[in-house]
Amino acid sequence: MSAAGDRLQDTARQAALALPDVRHGYPFTPGLDVYKVAGKVFLIVTDDPDEQIITVKCEPEHARALERGYASITPGRYLDKRHWISLGPGRGITKRLINDAVEHSYDLVVDGLPLSERPPRAPGPDAAAR
């Protein structure tokens, strides 16, 4: 197992668990750690030591741009390849990129939920100024 892959997966897990109302488990197979909000998947962490990847939801245009910019970002595994991307360890895959990808995926899922099912959001840094 590469240290880079371990960090990629650990960073994604930490980012997901820091978000409101996130649950995770292994509903499909013991090798896929699945993170959900309101019962909807937004992150899959593959526990296979030979293929240390995470898979997140992404807007199609943004997904294609990321795939062109990073050799280790590919169309999503396991899910609709148009709306999901997989990130593996590699050049340019930073902690910030991983955090942003997980948070963006979470936001896409939450934004698609009915208002009554959306988790409460913490006030942002601008809240005090309002």
Protein backbone atom coordinates (compact mmCIF):
# COMPACT_ATOMS: atom_id res chain seq x y z
CA MET A 1 0.00 0.00 0.00
CA SER A 2 1.33 3.37 -0.90
CA ALA A 3 1.38 6.08 1.73
CA ALA A 4 -0.10 8.47 -0.84
CA GLY A 5 -3.14 6.21 -1.26
CA ASP A 6 -3.59 5.91 2.49
CA ARG A 7 -3.49 9.69 2.84
CA LEU A 8 -5.94 10.14 -0.02
CA GLN A 9 -8.44 7.81 1.60
CA ASP A 10 -7.93 9.11 5.14
CA THR A 11 -8.28 12.72 3.98
CA ALA A 12 -11.53 11.90 2.16
CA ARG A 13 -12.94 10.07 5.18
CA GLN A 14 -12.08 12.96 7.52
CA ALA A 15 -13.58 15.52 5.13
CA ALA A 16 -16.81 13.52 4.82
CA LEU A 17 -17.21 12.95 8.55
CA ALA A 18 -16.76 16.68 9.24
CA LEU A 19 -19.94 17.45 7.25
CA PRO A 20 -23.43 17.57 8.83
CA ASP A 21 -25.56 14.41 9.11
CA VAL A 22 -23.14 12.07 7.33
CA ARG A 23 -23.50 8.32 7.80
CA HIS A 24 -21.22 5.64 6.48
CA GLY A 25 -21.09 1.91 6.21
CA TYR A 26 -20.54 -1.00 3.84
CA PRO A 27 -23.95 -1.57 2.18
CA PHE A 28 -22.60 -3.05 -1.07
CA THR A 29 -19.49 -5.03 -0.20
CA PRO A 30 -16.89 -5.04 2.60
CA GLY A 31 -14.38 -3.31 0.29
CA LEU A 32 -16.44 -0.17 -0.35
CA ASP A 33 -16.80 2.36 2.48
CA VAL A 34 -19.89 4.37 1.45
CA TYR A 35 -20.71 7.85 2.80
CA LYS A 36 -24.27 9.20 2.57
CA VAL A 37 -26.31 12.25 3.50
CA ALA A 38 -30.09 11.77 3.82
CA GLY A 39 -29.63 8.27 2.43
CA LYS A 40 -27.92 9.50 -0.76
CA VAL A 41 -24.36 8.48 -1.65
CA PHE A 42 -21.78 11.25 -2.09
CA LEU A 43 -18.48 9.40 -1.46
CA ILE A 44 -17.17 5.87 -1.92
CA VAL A 45 -13.77 4.95 -0.52
CA THR A 46 -12.33 1.77 -2.03
CA ASP A 47 -10.53 -0.27 0.60
CA ASP A 48 -8.65 -2.40 -1.96
CA PRO A 49 -4.91 -1.96 -1.19
CA ASP A 50 -4.11 -2.43 -4.90
CA GLU A 51 -6.49 0.31 -6.00
CA GLN A 52 -6.68 3.12 -3.47
CA ILE A 53 -9.28 5.44 -4.93
CA ILE A 54 -12.20 7.56 -3.86
CA THR A 55 -15.27 8.20 -6.00
CA VAL A 56 -17.30 11.42 -5.73
CA LYS A 57 -20.21 13.09 -7.49
CA CYS A 58 -19.21 15.94 -9.82
CA GLU A 59 -20.85 18.23 -12.36
CA PRO A 60 -20.09 16.79 -15.83
CA GLU A 61 -18.22 19.81 -17.22
CA HIS A 62 -16.10 20.14 -14.09
CA ALA A 63 -15.46 16.39 -14.09
CA ARG A 64 -14.13 16.44 -17.66
CA ALA A 65 -11.85 19.38 -16.82
CA LEU A 66 -10.44 17.54 -13.79
CA GLU A 67 -9.91 14.39 -15.87
CA ARG A 68 -7.97 16.41 -18.46
CA GLY A 69 -5.88 18.12 -15.76
CA TYR A 70 -4.93 15.12 -13.61
CA ALA A 71 -3.78 11.71 -14.82
CA SER A 72 -5.12 10.00 -11.68
CA ILE A 73 -8.66 11.41 -11.99
CA THR A 74 -10.86 9.19 -14.14
CA PRO A 75 -14.55 8.73 -14.87
CA GLY A 76 -16.23 7.33 -11.76
CA ARG A 77 -16.10 3.68 -10.89
CA TYR A 78 -19.25 1.86 -9.86
CA LEU A 79 -21.59 4.74 -10.76
CA ASP A 80 -22.65 6.90 -13.72
CA LYS A 81 -19.37 7.91 -15.34
CA ARG A 82 -20.85 11.21 -16.49
CA HIS A 83 -21.70 12.45 -13.00
CA TRP A 84 -19.01 10.73 -10.91
CA ILE A 85 -15.20 10.80 -10.87
CA SER A 86 -12.63 8.62 -9.18
CA LEU A 87 -9.45 10.09 -7.71
CA GLY A 88 -6.35 8.03 -7.12
CA PRO A 89 -3.01 9.01 -5.65
CA GLY A 90 -0.83 10.84 -8.11
CA ARG A 91 0.82 14.03 -9.15
CA GLY A 92 -1.15 17.11 -8.11
CA ILE A 93 -3.65 15.27 -5.91
CA THR A 94 -3.44 17.46 -2.82
CA LYS A 95 -5.29 17.44 0.47
CA ARG A 96 -7.12 20.58 -0.61
CA LEU A 97 -8.21 19.01 -3.91
CA ILE A 98 -9.52 15.95 -2.05
CA ASN A 99 -11.37 18.06 0.53
CA ASP A 100 -12.86 20.24 -2.21
CA ALA A 101 -13.99 17.19 -4.21
CA VAL A 102 -15.68 15.59 -1.18
CA GLU A 103 -17.37 18.85 -0.13
CA HIS A 104 -18.50 19.58 -3.69
CA SER A 105 -19.98 16.08 -3.98
CA TYR A 106 -21.80 16.50 -0.66
CA ASP A 107 -23.15 19.90 -1.74
CA LEU A 108 -24.43 18.49 -5.06
CA VAL A 109 -26.31 15.75 -3.23
CA VAL A 110 -27.70 18.10 -0.56
CA ASP A 111 -28.78 20.65 -3.19
CA GLY A 112 -30.78 17.89 -4.91
CA LEU A 113 -32.71 17.03 -1.73
CA PRO A 114 -36.12 18.43 -0.88
CA LEU A 115 -35.76 21.31 1.59
CA SER A 116 -37.34 19.23 4.36
CA GLU A 117 -34.57 16.60 4.06
CA ARG A 118 -31.58 18.95 3.91
CA PRO A 119 -29.29 18.96 6.94
CA PRO A 120 -28.89 22.24 8.80
CA ARG A 121 -25.85 24.13 7.63
CA ALA A 122 -23.41 25.81 9.95
CA PRO A 123 -23.27 29.57 9.44
CA GLY A 124 -20.48 30.57 7.10
CA PRO A 125 -17.80 33.16 7.82
CA ASP A 126 -20.01 35.91 6.36
CA ALA A 127 -22.92 35.20 8.76
CA ALA A 128 -21.67 37.63 11.42
CA ALA A 129 -21.49 40.46 8.88
CA ARG A 130 -25.20 40.11 7.95
